[in-house]
N, C-alpha and C. Protein backbone atom coordinates (compact mmCIF):
# COMPACT_ATOMS: atom_id res chain seq x y z
N MET A 1 41.01 -30.25 -4.19
CA MET A 1 39.63 -30.33 -4.45
C MET A 1 38.84 -29.39 -3.57
N LYS A 2 38.03 -28.51 -4.14
CA LYS A 2 37.31 -27.64 -3.36
C LYS A 2 35.91 -28.23 -2.94
N PRO A 3 35.49 -28.00 -1.83
CA PRO A 3 34.14 -28.38 -1.38
C PRO A 3 33.04 -27.71 -2.15
N LEU A 4 31.89 -28.32 -2.32
CA LEU A 4 30.81 -27.71 -3.00
C LEU A 4 30.21 -26.54 -2.18
N ILE A 5 30.06 -26.79 -0.89
CA ILE A 5 29.46 -25.71 -0.05
C ILE A 5 30.42 -25.57 1.11
N ASN A 6 30.81 -24.32 1.26
CA ASN A 6 31.68 -23.96 2.43
C ASN A 6 30.71 -23.17 3.38
N LEU A 7 30.35 -23.92 4.46
CA LEU A 7 29.35 -23.37 5.40
C LEU A 7 29.98 -22.19 6.22
N LYS A 8 31.19 -22.22 6.54
CA LYS A 8 31.83 -21.13 7.14
C LYS A 8 31.80 -19.87 6.36
N LYS A 9 32.06 -20.05 5.20
CA LYS A 9 32.01 -18.83 4.28
C LYS A 9 30.59 -18.18 4.10
N HIS A 10 29.51 -19.19 3.92
CA HIS A 10 28.16 -18.68 3.63
C HIS A 10 27.31 -18.65 4.85
N ARG A 11 27.89 -18.88 6.00
CA ARG A 11 26.98 -18.82 7.36
C ARG A 11 26.26 -17.57 7.36
N SER A 12 26.88 -16.55 7.08
CA SER A 12 26.21 -15.21 7.25
C SER A 12 25.04 -14.93 6.34
N ASP A 13 25.03 -15.79 5.21
CA ASP A 13 24.03 -15.74 4.16
C ASP A 13 22.70 -16.43 4.59
N LEU A 14 22.88 -17.32 5.66
CA LEU A 14 21.69 -18.03 6.05
C LEU A 14 20.81 -17.17 6.99
N ASN A 15 19.53 -17.09 6.60
CA ASN A 15 18.59 -16.17 7.32
C ASN A 15 17.79 -17.09 8.24
N PRO A 16 17.94 -17.00 9.59
CA PRO A 16 17.15 -17.85 10.50
C PRO A 16 15.58 -17.68 10.26
N LYS A 17 15.13 -16.53 9.87
CA LYS A 17 13.61 -16.36 9.66
C LYS A 17 13.28 -17.11 8.53
N TRP A 18 14.03 -17.09 7.46
CA TRP A 18 13.71 -18.02 6.30
C TRP A 18 13.67 -19.47 6.60
N LEU A 19 14.69 -19.91 7.42
CA LEU A 19 14.76 -21.36 7.80
C LEU A 19 13.53 -21.75 8.60
N LEU A 20 13.10 -20.92 9.54
CA LEU A 20 11.92 -21.04 10.37
C LEU A 20 10.62 -21.20 9.57
N GLU A 21 10.50 -20.23 8.56
CA GLU A 21 9.39 -20.29 7.68
C GLU A 21 9.30 -21.47 6.87
N LYS A 22 10.53 -22.02 6.37
CA LYS A 22 10.41 -23.29 5.52
C LYS A 22 10.07 -24.45 6.41
N LEU A 23 10.61 -24.55 7.68
CA LEU A 23 10.34 -25.50 8.61
C LEU A 23 8.80 -25.55 9.00
N GLY A 24 8.19 -24.32 9.32
CA GLY A 24 6.78 -24.17 9.46
C GLY A 24 6.00 -24.71 8.32
N GLU A 25 6.34 -24.46 7.11
CA GLU A 25 5.54 -24.97 5.97
C GLU A 25 5.68 -26.42 5.82
N PHE A 26 6.87 -27.00 6.19
CA PHE A 26 7.05 -28.46 6.21
C PHE A 26 6.15 -29.17 7.33
N LEU A 27 6.19 -28.63 8.35
CA LEU A 27 5.44 -29.24 9.52
C LEU A 27 3.98 -29.12 9.26
N LEU A 28 3.41 -28.04 8.67
CA LEU A 28 2.08 -27.85 8.26
C LEU A 28 1.74 -28.90 7.24
N ASP A 29 2.50 -29.15 6.21
CA ASP A 29 2.27 -30.17 5.20
C ASP A 29 2.23 -31.59 5.88
N ILE A 30 3.02 -31.89 6.79
CA ILE A 30 2.97 -33.14 7.52
C ILE A 30 1.67 -33.34 8.34
N ALA A 31 1.30 -32.17 8.92
CA ALA A 31 0.08 -32.27 9.73
C ALA A 31 -1.17 -32.46 8.88
N LYS A 32 -1.18 -31.93 7.68
CA LYS A 32 -2.18 -32.13 6.73
C LYS A 32 -2.27 -33.49 6.31
N LEU A 33 -1.12 -34.08 5.99
CA LEU A 33 -1.06 -35.50 5.56
C LEU A 33 -1.55 -36.45 6.67
N ILE A 34 -1.14 -36.19 7.81
CA ILE A 34 -1.61 -37.03 8.96
C ILE A 34 -3.15 -36.91 9.12
N PHE A 35 -3.62 -35.70 9.11
CA PHE A 35 -5.15 -35.49 9.22
C PHE A 35 -5.84 -36.09 8.08
N GLY A 36 -5.38 -35.89 6.94
CA GLY A 36 -5.99 -36.62 5.81
C GLY A 36 -6.05 -38.13 5.95
N GLY A 37 -4.90 -38.76 6.45
CA GLY A 37 -4.85 -40.20 6.63
C GLY A 37 -5.80 -40.62 7.61
N VAL A 38 -6.05 -39.83 8.61
CA VAL A 38 -6.97 -40.18 9.69
C VAL A 38 -8.36 -40.15 9.22
N VAL A 39 -8.68 -39.15 8.36
CA VAL A 39 -10.04 -38.99 7.80
C VAL A 39 -10.25 -40.19 6.80
N LEU A 40 -9.31 -40.51 5.91
CA LEU A 40 -9.45 -41.66 5.10
C LEU A 40 -9.63 -42.98 5.82
N VAL A 41 -8.91 -43.25 6.87
CA VAL A 41 -9.17 -44.44 7.71
C VAL A 41 -10.48 -44.50 8.24
N GLY A 42 -10.96 -43.29 8.78
CA GLY A 42 -12.34 -43.13 9.39
C GLY A 42 -13.35 -43.39 8.44
N ILE A 43 -13.11 -43.08 7.11
CA ILE A 43 -14.15 -43.35 6.13
C ILE A 43 -14.23 -44.77 5.67
N MET A 44 -13.05 -45.46 5.58
CA MET A 44 -13.14 -46.81 5.27
C MET A 44 -13.68 -47.60 6.32
N GLU A 45 -14.19 -48.78 6.01
CA GLU A 45 -14.91 -49.59 6.98
C GLU A 45 -13.85 -50.60 7.53
N THR A 46 -13.27 -50.16 8.65
CA THR A 46 -12.29 -51.09 9.31
C THR A 46 -12.65 -51.28 10.73
N ASN A 47 -11.88 -52.07 11.39
CA ASN A 47 -12.23 -52.37 12.76
C ASN A 47 -11.39 -51.47 13.77
N VAL A 48 -11.21 -50.18 13.28
CA VAL A 48 -10.48 -49.23 14.17
C VAL A 48 -11.53 -48.50 15.06
N ASN A 49 -11.16 -48.26 16.22
CA ASN A 49 -12.12 -47.49 17.13
C ASN A 49 -12.00 -46.02 16.76
N PRO A 50 -13.09 -45.48 16.32
CA PRO A 50 -13.02 -44.03 15.84
C PRO A 50 -12.51 -43.05 16.96
N TYR A 51 -12.82 -43.34 18.20
CA TYR A 51 -12.39 -42.35 19.23
C TYR A 51 -10.88 -42.41 19.25
N TRP A 52 -10.36 -43.54 19.28
CA TRP A 52 -8.87 -43.62 19.43
C TRP A 52 -8.21 -43.07 18.14
N LEU A 53 -8.82 -43.34 16.95
CA LEU A 53 -8.37 -42.92 15.66
C LEU A 53 -8.23 -41.29 15.67
N PHE A 54 -9.28 -40.66 15.94
CA PHE A 54 -9.39 -39.26 15.84
C PHE A 54 -8.55 -38.53 16.94
N SER A 55 -8.50 -39.18 18.21
CA SER A 55 -7.85 -38.56 19.28
C SER A 55 -6.28 -38.62 19.14
N ILE A 56 -5.78 -39.78 18.70
CA ILE A 56 -4.39 -39.97 18.48
C ILE A 56 -3.91 -39.14 17.19
N GLY A 57 -4.76 -39.27 16.18
CA GLY A 57 -4.43 -38.48 14.94
C GLY A 57 -4.46 -37.05 15.17
N GLY A 58 -5.43 -36.57 15.84
CA GLY A 58 -5.60 -35.10 16.12
C GLY A 58 -4.32 -34.55 17.02
N ARG A 59 -3.97 -35.42 18.02
CA ARG A 59 -2.71 -34.99 18.80
C ARG A 59 -1.43 -35.02 17.99
N VAL A 60 -1.22 -35.96 17.14
CA VAL A 60 -0.10 -36.02 16.36
C VAL A 60 -0.04 -34.80 15.43
N ALA A 61 -1.29 -34.50 14.82
CA ALA A 61 -1.29 -33.39 13.81
C ALA A 61 -1.10 -32.08 14.53
N ILE A 62 -1.52 -31.85 15.73
CA ILE A 62 -1.36 -30.61 16.44
C ILE A 62 0.08 -30.52 16.87
């Protein structure tokens, strides 16, 4: 039975710059989702302290 992916054989085909680019795009999408969630919670009328909401949400997004 042959493995689907042989990493030793295809290791030279992996481009570190491409992997870092994809990781950067993923982390940017996560930061946008967190920031959007913070804004939505800030808009809704809840008992959340806005200072803590924006400070913690901003730090996590950064």
